[in-house]
Amino acid sequence: MIAALSLATTMLTETATPARAFVDSIGVVTHFAYADTPYGNRFETVAQRLIDLGVRHVRDGVVLGDTLVCERERSLATHGVRFSYVTQPALSAGDIAAWAKCAGPALESFEGPNEYDLSHPAGDTDWAATLRAFQKTLYDAVKGNAALRSCPVIGPSLTSADAFRAVGDLSADLDFGNVHDYFAGHEPETPGYGLGGYGSIEYNLEGARLLSGAKPIVATETGYGTGTGHGDVPDDVQAAYVPRLFLTQFAAGIARTDEYELLDEGPEPFDRFGLLRSDLSPKPAYVALQSLIAALADGDATPRSERLSYSLEGDVPGLRHALFEKHHGRFVLALWIARPTIEPHTKLSYPVPLRTVHVRTDRPAALRALRFDASYRLVAGNTARGGIRVDLDDRVALVEIVPSPPLGLERDLAVNVADAMRDIGPRKSARIRETFGLTRDPNLTE
């Protein structure tokens, strides 16, 4: 859950979202078939950067006959990386099956054509009909193939509300809708910068729903460029906005968000959208996202969806928060101020001054604050019990909360220890319960 707050004291009781569900919503775009870029001529280094980033969902494209790309992407699959493949209307059902066989374990999903309202050939005067027909071909090819039936099919991406209206409802031929929601240099939480909320997440989702209906939606492209053109932002602003972008998209119900893109390449104006520079050195946004993923990663453990009662104290306009849960009842609270850091047109900087928030829990708990340092890595700061002070700006800060004993773990201990108690005797078992902070279960006999 994410909410905007500014009250001096806000009391909250929330069911936390599994941290790993958020991490699983993070993806990135690559172009491994671009042989004359680092994707092709420095593959080993790029692959290691991708693995080190911690992102395990990648968007790329179908390139029939390019067995080297398949081989390389299968090698990434051994590290848990899987790919969503963008298609083109020229592909047949046989082509889809052939690529699936080539990609092997790297295949995660297929996606309809990319921005076909702009990319269609000039001779295709009824591009919307072409797109509708192909999306059905793609869906039938995947769902009619016993080996691929469980593979999700994502709808096509488009670039305007008029294009969505021209194509119409495709919900019968997709599992996920698709949106490309760039923000033209505005903050991720922007309410819009045009008529009717134009430019906001919700505005873009409204268009995508014209195709997908009630189906869930993924954002297969979004991000911030670091060049000097319109809508580009400095490196430090990209680093502040990218973690907020993923948190805000996730809160909006977007099932997965793919950052465009892993590294700088291509022609203007999209040549500086990478998390890595063209020499493969990490930008601050790469380091910030890597650090956020590491802080919220939770392996394969399944949290219990516990509720936590706590308060946020401090007059902080634009305060946003999101509560996550890791296994054994451990919580991570993300906090930030949803304000712009730069004016996209003039490039004037609007530094967000530090504001203080006090986080207090309604039960004994150990708390630890983590903030981004000058190198954009999350580092541990102050620790406290029951309540903690957190200094906030436009960058995300985290508060780790471990109830004493952790929620869920208390029940586990009660159940697991109880059997051993029966053979110990009442006096020793009472001491053990006191040590672990457990109360006696009246249904158990000693």
Protein backbone atom coordinates (compact mmCIF):
# COMPACT_ATOMS: atom_id res chain seq x y z
CA MET A 1 0.00 0.00 0.00
CA ILE A 2 1.13 3.56 -0.78
CA ALA A 3 -0.56 6.66 0.54
CA ALA A 4 0.09 10.40 0.50
CA LEU A 5 0.10 11.94 3.96
CA SER A 6 0.91 15.27 5.56
CA LEU A 7 -0.81 15.11 8.95
CA ALA A 8 1.22 15.71 12.08
CA THR A 9 0.32 12.25 13.42
CA THR A 10 -1.22 9.44 11.41
CA MET A 11 -2.20 6.13 13.03
CA LEU A 12 -2.12 3.17 10.67
CA THR A 13 -2.98 -0.51 10.81
CA GLU A 14 -2.04 -2.18 7.56
CA THR A 15 -1.64 -5.60 6.03
CA ALA A 16 1.85 -5.66 4.59
CA THR A 17 2.60 -6.64 1.00
CA PRO A 18 5.15 -9.46 0.53
CA ALA A 19 8.48 -7.80 -0.24
CA ARG A 20 9.30 -10.40 -2.82
CA ALA A 21 6.10 -9.55 -4.75
CA PHE A 22 7.41 -6.02 -5.19
CA VAL A 23 10.87 -7.22 -6.22
CA ASP A 24 9.20 -9.59 -8.69
CA SER A 25 7.45 -6.61 -10.29
CA ILE A 26 10.75 -5.07 -11.41
CA GLY A 27 11.94 -5.63 -14.98
CA VAL A 28 14.31 -4.03 -17.48
CA VAL A 29 14.49 -3.71 -21.28
CA THR A 30 17.46 -5.05 -23.26
CA HIS A 31 18.41 -5.42 -26.95
CA PHE A 32 20.75 -8.38 -27.10
CA ALA A 33 20.39 -8.66 -30.87
CA TYR A 34 22.06 -5.25 -31.37
CA ALA A 35 25.43 -6.69 -32.34
CA ASP A 36 27.17 -3.33 -32.81
CA THR A 37 26.39 -2.16 -29.26
CA PRO A 38 27.69 -3.44 -25.91
CA TYR A 39 24.72 -5.84 -25.85
CA GLY A 40 26.43 -7.71 -28.67
CA ASN A 41 30.12 -6.93 -28.51
CA ARG A 42 30.51 -6.87 -24.70
CA PHE A 43 27.90 -9.44 -23.78
CA GLU A 44 29.77 -11.03 -20.87
CA THR A 45 30.15 -7.70 -19.07
CA VAL A 46 26.55 -6.67 -19.77
CA ALA A 47 25.28 -10.05 -18.55
CA GLN A 48 27.22 -9.71 -15.31
CA ARG A 49 25.87 -6.20 -14.77
CA LEU A 50 22.35 -7.53 -15.26
CA ILE A 51 22.88 -10.39 -12.82
CA ASP A 52 24.47 -8.05 -10.26
CA LEU A 53 21.55 -5.63 -10.56
CA GLY A 54 19.23 -8.28 -9.16
CA VAL A 55 16.50 -7.91 -11.82
CA ARG A 56 15.23 -11.26 -13.05
CA HIS A 57 12.64 -10.16 -15.64
CA VAL A 58 13.79 -8.80 -19.00
CA ARG A 59 11.98 -7.53 -22.09
CA ASP A 60 13.63 -8.16 -25.46
CA GLY A 61 12.49 -9.19 -28.93
CA VAL A 62 12.01 -12.16 -31.23
CA VAL A 63 14.83 -12.30 -33.80
CA LEU A 64 14.23 -15.36 -35.96
CA GLY A 65 17.34 -17.32 -36.82
CA ASP A 66 19.60 -15.55 -34.33
CA THR A 67 20.75 -18.61 -32.46
CA LEU A 68 23.55 -16.64 -30.73
CA VAL A 69 20.96 -14.45 -29.00
CA CYS A 70 19.07 -17.57 -27.92
CA GLU A 71 22.26 -19.15 -26.61
CA ARG A 72 23.18 -16.05 -24.64
CA GLU A 73 19.72 -15.59 -23.17
CA ARG A 74 19.56 -19.27 -22.21
CA SER A 75 22.83 -18.72 -20.35
CA LEU A 76 21.18 -15.91 -18.41
CA ALA A 77 18.28 -18.22 -17.61
CA THR A 78 20.69 -20.34 -15.55
CA HIS A 79 20.92 -17.29 -13.24
CA GLY A 80 17.15 -17.02 -12.93
CA VAL A 81 16.70 -14.37 -15.65
CA ARG A 82 13.71 -14.86 -17.95
CA PHE A 83 12.53 -12.93 -20.98
CA SER A 84 9.36 -11.47 -22.41
CA TYR A 85 9.66 -11.41 -26.19
CA VAL A 86 8.16 -8.68 -28.35
CA THR A 87 6.69 -9.95 -31.63
CA GLN A 88 5.92 -8.49 -35.08
CA PRO A 89 2.88 -9.00 -37.32
CA ALA A 90 4.98 -10.83 -39.93
CA LEU A 91 5.46 -13.79 -37.58
CA SER A 92 3.45 -16.96 -38.12
CA ALA A 93 2.33 -19.54 -35.57
CA GLY A 94 5.25 -21.67 -36.74
CA ASP A 95 7.66 -18.79 -36.14
CA ILE A 96 6.36 -18.37 -32.58
CA ALA A 97 6.89 -22.08 -31.88
CA ALA A 98 10.37 -21.98 -33.43
CA TRP A 99 11.43 -19.03 -31.26
CA ALA A 100 10.04 -20.68 -28.15
CA LYS A 101 12.17 -23.72 -28.90
CA CYS A 102 15.23 -21.54 -29.55
CA ALA A 103 14.78 -19.53 -26.33
CA GLY A 104 14.05 -22.61 -24.23
CA PRO A 105 14.15 -21.91 -20.48
CA ALA A 106 14.74 -18.17 -21.09
CA LEU A 107 11.13 -17.75 -22.31
CA GLU A 108 8.72 -16.20 -19.82
CA SER A 109 6.08 -14.56 -22.02
CA PHE A 110 5.26 -13.22 -25.48
CA GLU A 111 4.23 -9.64 -26.15
CA GLY A 112 2.29 -8.10 -29.02
CA PRO A 113 3.93 -5.64 -31.43
CA ASN A 114 5.72 -2.57 -30.08
CA GLU A 115 4.02 0.81 -30.64
CA TYR A 116 2.58 -0.34 -33.96
CA ASP A 117 0.63 2.88 -34.35
CA LEU A 118 4.02 4.49 -35.02
CA SER A 119 6.11 1.58 -36.30
CA HIS A 120 3.75 0.11 -38.94
CA PRO A 121 4.88 0.26 -42.57
CA ALA A 122 3.66 3.28 -44.50
CA GLY A 123 1.75 0.98 -46.80
CA ASP A 124 -0.30 -0.51 -43.97
CA THR A 125 -3.13 1.99 -44.11
CA ASP A 126 -5.35 -0.10 -41.79
CA TRP A 127 -2.73 -0.79 -39.17
CA ALA A 128 -5.33 -1.22 -36.42
CA ALA A 129 -6.93 -4.14 -38.29
CA THR A 130 -3.50 -5.66 -38.85
CA LEU A 131 -2.77 -5.41 -35.14
CA ARG A 132 -6.09 -6.93 -34.11
CA ALA A 133 -5.62 -9.86 -36.47
CA PHE A 134 -2.06 -10.52 -35.39
CA GLN A 135 -2.83 -10.37 -31.67
CA LYS A 136 -5.37 -13.15 -32.21
CA THR A 137 -2.80 -15.12 -34.23
CA LEU A 138 -0.26 -14.73 -31.43
CA TYR A 139 -2.68 -15.71 -28.69
CA ASP A 140 -3.99 -18.74 -30.58
CA ALA A 141 -0.46 -19.84 -31.47
CA VAL A 142 0.59 -19.81 -27.82
CA LYS A 143 -2.56 -21.19 -26.21
CA GLY A 144 -3.05 -23.79 -28.94
CA ASN A 145 0.44 -25.22 -28.38
CA ALA A 146 0.47 -27.73 -25.52
CA ALA A 147 4.09 -26.87 -24.71
CA LEU A 148 3.33 -23.13 -24.49
CA ARG A 149 -0.20 -23.03 -23.12
CA SER A 150 0.87 -21.73 -19.70
CA CYS A 151 3.00 -18.96 -21.24
CA PRO A 152 1.42 -15.52 -20.67
CA VAL A 153 0.58 -13.35 -23.67
CA ILE A 154 0.90 -9.58 -23.25
CA GLY A 155 -1.02 -7.20 -25.46
CA PRO A 156 0.54 -4.72 -27.88
CA SER A 157 1.85 -1.33 -26.80
CA LEU A 158 0.50 1.91 -28.28
CA THR A 159 1.40 5.56 -27.84
CA SER A 160 -1.84 7.53 -27.61
CA ALA A 161 -5.45 7.41 -26.45
CA ASP A 162 -6.55 7.73 -30.09
CA ALA A 163 -4.54 4.64 -30.99
CA PHE A 164 -6.09 2.63 -28.14
CA ARG A 165 -9.55 3.66 -29.30
CA ALA A 166 -8.75 2.75 -32.90
CA VAL A 167 -7.72 -0.79 -31.97
CA GLY A 168 -10.44 -1.43 -29.40
CA ASP A 169 -11.02 -4.36 -27.06
CA LEU A 170 -8.44 -7.16 -27.33
CA SER A 171 -9.08 -8.67 -23.91
CA ALA A 172 -10.05 -12.06 -25.39
CA ASP A 173 -6.60 -12.35 -26.98
CA LEU A 174 -4.29 -11.39 -24.12
CA ASP A 175 -3.51 -12.25 -20.50
CA PHE A 176 -2.04 -8.85 -19.66
CA GLY A 177 -2.63 -5.39 -21.01
CA ASN A 178 0.30 -3.15 -21.88
CA VAL A 179 1.19 0.46 -21.18
CA HIS A 180 4.16 2.69 -21.98
CA ASP A 181 4.03 5.46 -19.42
CA TYR A 182 6.91 7.87 -19.71
CA PHE A 183 6.78 11.02 -17.58
CA ALA A 184 8.69 13.55 -19.71
CA GLY A 185 10.95 14.41 -16.79
CA HIS A 186 8.14 14.86 -14.28
CA GLU A 187 8.12 12.98 -10.97
CA PRO A 188 6.57 9.47 -11.02
CA GLU A 189 3.72 10.54 -8.75
CA THR A 190 2.70 13.44 -11.00
CA PRO A 191 -1.07 14.03 -11.14
CA GLY A 192 -0.51 14.89 -14.78
CA TYR A 193 0.88 17.78 -16.77
CA GLY A 194 -1.87 18.21 -19.35
CA LEU A 195 -5.64 18.28 -19.73
CA GLY A 196 -7.55 15.55 -17.91
CA GLY A 197 -4.53 14.34 -16.00
CA TYR A 198 -2.52 13.70 -19.17
CA GLY A 199 0.85 12.17 -18.27
CA SER A 200 -0.18 10.56 -14.98
CA ILE A 201 -0.09 6.83 -14.33
CA GLU A 202 -3.87 6.66 -14.09
CA TYR A 203 -4.34 8.54 -17.36
CA ASN A 204 -2.11 6.04 -19.15
CA LEU A 205 -3.84 3.08 -17.53
CA GLU A 206 -7.22 4.33 -18.72
CA GLY A 207 -5.99 4.09 -22.29
CA ALA A 208 -4.51 0.62 -21.80
CA ARG A 209 -7.79 -0.64 -20.36
CA LEU A 210 -9.51 0.09 -23.67
CA LEU A 211 -7.58 -2.92 -24.99
CA SER A 212 -7.25 -5.10 -21.91
CA GLY A 213 -10.58 -4.60 -20.14
CA ALA A 214 -10.38 -6.03 -16.64
CA LYS A 215 -7.15 -7.97 -17.30
CA PRO A 216 -4.05 -6.97 -15.30
CA ILE A 217 -1.60 -4.56 -16.93
CA VAL A 218 2.17 -4.49 -17.26
CA ALA A 219 4.27 -1.45 -18.16
CA THR A 220 6.75 -2.74 -20.73
CA GLU A 221 8.48 0.63 -21.07
CA THR A 222 9.02 3.59 -18.78
CA GLY A 223 11.98 5.48 -17.43
CA TYR A 224 14.06 8.64 -17.44
CA GLY A 225 16.77 9.78 -19.82
CA THR A 226 19.90 11.54 -18.58
CA GLY A 227 20.74 13.55 -21.68
CA THR A 228 20.17 17.25 -22.25
CA GLY A 229 16.98 17.06 -24.30
CA HIS A 230 13.39 17.80 -23.36
CA GLY A 231 12.26 15.54 -20.53
CA ASP A 232 15.76 14.39 -19.64
CA VAL A 233 17.00 14.72 -16.08
CA PRO A 234 20.41 14.78 -14.36
CA ASP A 235 21.91 11.53 -13.08
CA ASP A 236 21.03 12.29 -9.47
CA VAL A 237 17.38 12.96 -10.30
CA GLN A 238 17.15 9.69 -12.26
CA ALA A 239 18.56 7.97 -9.17
CA ALA A 240 15.92 9.55 -6.95
CA TYR A 241 13.02 8.92 -9.33
CA VAL A 242 13.68 5.31 -10.44
CA PRO A 243 13.08 3.62 -7.05
CA ARG A 244 9.99 5.81 -6.58
CA LEU A 245 8.84 4.89 -10.07
CA PHE A 246 8.79 1.18 -9.29
CA LEU A 247 7.09 1.71 -5.93
CA THR A 248 4.43 4.01 -7.39
CA GLN A 249 3.69 1.78 -10.39
CA PHE A 250 3.38 -1.25 -8.11
CA ALA A 251 0.96 0.62 -5.86
CA ALA A 252 -1.13 1.53 -8.92
CA GLY A 253 -1.70 -2.19 -9.53
CA ILE A 254 0.74 -2.54 -12.43
CA ALA A 255 1.85 -6.17 -12.33
CA ARG A 256 5.33 -5.54 -13.71
CA THR A 257 7.29 -2.47 -14.74
CA ASP A 258 10.15 -2.67 -17.25
CA GLU A 259 12.70 0.12 -16.99
CA TYR A 260 13.84 1.39 -20.38
CA GLU A 261 16.62 0.38 -20.55
CA LEU A 262 19.63 -1.45 -19.18
CA LEU A 263 22.31 0.60 -20.98
CA ASP A 264 22.75 3.73 -23.07
CA GLU A 265 22.54 3.03 -26.81
CA GLY A 266 20.64 4.01 -29.92
CA PRO A 267 19.72 7.31 -31.54
CA GLU A 268 18.40 10.40 -29.82
CA PRO A 269 16.22 11.03 -27.90
CA PHE A 270 16.42 7.56 -26.30
CA ASP A 271 20.20 7.20 -26.27
CA ARG A 272 20.64 8.11 -22.58
CA PHE A 273 17.86 6.12 -20.92
CA GLY A 274 20.16 3.39 -19.59
CA LEU A 275 20.88 2.45 -16.02
CA LEU A 276 24.40 1.89 -17.34
CA ARG A 277 26.40 4.29 -19.48
CA SER A 278 27.58 3.15 -22.91
CA ASP A 279 30.96 2.25 -21.37
CA LEU A 280 28.97 0.01 -18.95
CA SER A 281 29.83 2.04 -15.88
CA PRO A 282 26.84 2.20 -13.51
CA LYS A 283 24.85 5.38 -13.24
CA PRO A 284 23.62 6.35 -9.76
CA ALA A 285 20.16 4.99 -10.69
CA TYR A 286 21.65 1.53 -11.25
CA VAL A 287 23.26 1.60 -7.82
CA ALA A 288 20.07 2.89 -6.17
CA LEU A 289 17.86 0.23 -7.77
CA GLN A 290 20.37 -2.51 -7.02
CA SER A 291 20.47 -1.42 -3.39
CA LEU A 292 16.67 -1.28 -3.09
CA ILE A 293 16.30 -4.77 -4.55
CA ALA A 294 18.94 -6.16 -2.19
CA ALA A 295 17.20 -4.60 0.81
CA LEU A 296 13.81 -6.12 -0.09
CA ALA A 297 14.88 -9.48 -1.52
CA ASP A 298 13.42 -12.35 0.48
CA GLY A 299 14.34 -15.56 -1.33
CA ASP A 300 11.58 -18.11 -1.75
CA ALA A 301 10.11 -17.70 1.72
CA THR A 302 6.38 -16.99 1.94
CA PRO A 303 5.38 -14.25 4.41
CA ARG A 304 2.19 -14.57 6.43
CA SER A 305 0.52 -11.32 5.28
CA GLU A 306 0.61 -9.95 8.81
CA ARG A 307 -0.90 -6.65 9.97
CA LEU A 308 1.18 -4.00 11.66
CA SER A 309 -0.06 -1.05 13.70
CA TYR A 310 2.19 2.00 13.76
CA SER A 311 2.15 5.78 13.58
CA LEU A 312 3.88 8.36 11.40
CA GLU A 313 4.52 11.67 13.15
CA GLY A 314 5.66 14.81 11.36
CA ASP A 315 4.21 17.55 9.19
CA VAL A 316 5.54 16.39 5.82
CA PRO A 317 3.46 17.40 2.76
CA GLY A 318 3.58 14.76 0.05
CA LEU A 319 4.75 11.99 2.38
CA ARG A 320 4.35 8.55 0.74
CA HIS A 321 4.79 5.17 2.34
CA ALA A 322 4.62 1.51 1.44
CA LEU A 323 4.72 -1.37 3.94
CA PHE A 324 6.33 -4.67 2.97
CA GLU A 325 6.76 -7.92 4.85
CA LYS A 326 9.58 -10.42 4.79
CA HIS A 327 9.42 -13.90 6.23
CA HIS A 328 9.15 -14.50 10.00
CA GLY A 329 7.14 -11.32 10.47
CA ARG A 330 9.86 -8.83 9.62
CA PHE A 331 8.67 -5.59 8.01
CA VAL A 332 10.22 -2.95 5.79
CA LEU A 333 8.57 0.46 5.57
CA ALA A 334 9.47 2.60 2.56
CA LEU A 335 9.11 6.37 3.00
CA TRP A 336 9.69 9.33 0.69
CA ILE A 337 8.46 12.79 -0.24
CA ALA A 338 6.61 12.84 -3.56
CA ARG A 339 7.79 16.19 -4.88
CA PRO A 340 9.52 17.15 -8.13
CA THR A 341 13.26 17.71 -7.98
CA ILE A 342 13.55 19.49 -11.33
CA GLU A 343 11.38 21.53 -13.68
CA PRO A 344 11.50 19.50 -16.92
CA HIS A 345 11.35 22.45 -19.34
CA THR A 346 13.70 24.96 -17.74
CA LYS A 347 15.87 22.33 -15.97
CA LEU A 348 15.71 24.45 -12.83
CA SER A 349 16.49 22.39 -9.74
CA TYR A 350 14.05 22.23 -6.83
CA PRO A 351 15.97 20.63 -3.96
CA VAL A 352 13.65 18.91 -1.50
CA PRO A 353 14.65 19.99 2.02
CA LEU A 354 15.04 17.36 4.69
CA ARG A 355 11.92 16.70 6.74
CA THR A 356 11.72 14.54 9.83
CA VAL A 357 9.27 11.71 10.41
CA HIS A 358 9.00 9.65 13.59
CA VAL A 359 7.88 6.05 13.15
CA ARG A 360 6.42 4.39 16.24
CA THR A 361 5.06 0.87 16.63
CA ASP A 362 2.22 -0.15 18.94
CA ARG A 363 4.23 -3.06 20.36
CA PRO A 364 7.88 -3.61 21.28
CA ALA A 365 10.02 -3.73 18.15
CA ALA A 366 13.55 -3.12 16.97
CA LEU A 367 13.75 -0.45 14.26
CA ARG A 368 16.60 0.49 11.93
CA ALA A 369 16.66 3.30 9.36
CA LEU A 370 18.38 2.96 5.99
CA ARG A 371 19.04 5.97 3.73
CA PHE A 372 20.88 6.46 0.47
CA ASP A 373 24.38 7.80 0.95
CA ALA A 374 26.34 10.03 -1.45
CA SER A 375 27.09 7.03 -3.68
CA TYR A 376 23.37 6.10 -3.80
CA ARG A 377 23.73 2.95 -1.74
CA LEU A 378 21.33 2.23 1.09
CA VAL A 379 23.29 2.25 4.33
CA ALA A 380 22.13 1.56 7.85
CA GLY A 381 21.75 4.55 10.09
CA ASN A 382 20.25 4.97 13.54
CA THR A 383 18.60 2.13 15.42
CA ALA A 384 16.01 2.27 18.18
CA ARG A 385 13.30 0.32 19.95
CA GLY A 386 9.62 1.23 19.68
CA GLY A 387 10.17 4.44 17.72
CA ILE A 388 12.72 5.96 15.38
CA ARG A 389 13.49 9.29 13.70
CA VAL A 390 13.88 9.26 9.91
CA ASP A 391 15.13 12.22 7.86
CA LEU A 392 13.48 12.31 4.44
CA ASP A 393 13.93 14.01 1.10
CA ASP A 394 13.03 13.05 -2.47
CA ARG A 395 14.91 9.75 -2.15
CA VAL A 396 13.35 6.62 -0.70
CA ALA A 397 14.31 5.72 2.87
CA LEU A 398 13.59 2.38 4.51
CA VAL A 399 12.77 1.43 8.09
CA GLU A 400 13.29 -2.18 9.07
CA ILE A 401 10.86 -3.23 11.80
CA VAL A 402 11.29 -6.44 13.76
CA PRO A 403 8.59 -6.94 16.43
CA SER A 404 9.74 -8.67 19.61
CA PRO A 405 9.23 -11.52 19.05
CA PRO A 406 8.53 -11.19 15.32
CA LEU A 407 4.89 -11.67 14.36
CA GLY A 408 4.35 -15.19 13.14
CA LEU A 409 7.55 -16.38 14.76
CA GLU A 410 5.80 -16.11 18.11
CA ARG A 411 3.20 -18.62 16.99
CA ASP A 412 5.82 -20.85 15.40
CA LEU A 413 7.78 -20.93 18.63
CA ALA A 414 4.66 -21.65 20.64
CA VAL A 415 3.80 -24.63 18.48
CA ASN A 416 7.31 -26.00 17.95
CA VAL A 417 8.44 -25.64 21.53
CA ALA A 418 5.24 -26.93 23.09
CA ASP A 419 5.84 -30.57 22.28
CA ALA A 420 9.27 -30.47 23.88
CA MET A 421 7.78 -28.79 26.97
CA ARG A 422 5.64 -31.80 27.88
CA ASP A 423 8.65 -33.90 28.82
CA ILE A 424 10.55 -31.14 30.63
CA GLY A 425 8.18 -30.42 33.48
CA PRO A 426 6.32 -27.27 34.49
CA ARG A 427 9.19 -25.46 36.24
CA LYS A 428 11.72 -25.67 33.39
CA SER A 429 9.11 -25.09 30.73
CA ALA A 430 8.00 -21.91 32.52
CA ARG A 431 11.57 -20.63 32.38
CA ILE A 432 11.81 -21.37 28.65
CA ARG A 433 8.53 -19.59 27.97
CA GLU A 434 9.74 -16.60 29.93
CA THR A 435 12.98 -16.56 27.93
CA PHE A 436 11.17 -16.58 24.57
CA GLY A 437 8.40 -14.25 25.71
CA LEU A 438 5.73 -16.92 25.19
CA THR A 439 2.53 -17.30 27.16
CA ARG A 440 1.25 -20.64 28.26
CA ASP A 441 -1.30 -22.22 25.94
CA PRO A 442 -4.25 -23.29 28.20
CA ASN A 443 -5.03 -26.09 25.75
CA LEU A 444 -1.71 -27.74 26.40
CA THR A 445 -1.03 -29.93 29.42
CA GLU A 446 2.36 -30.51 30.96
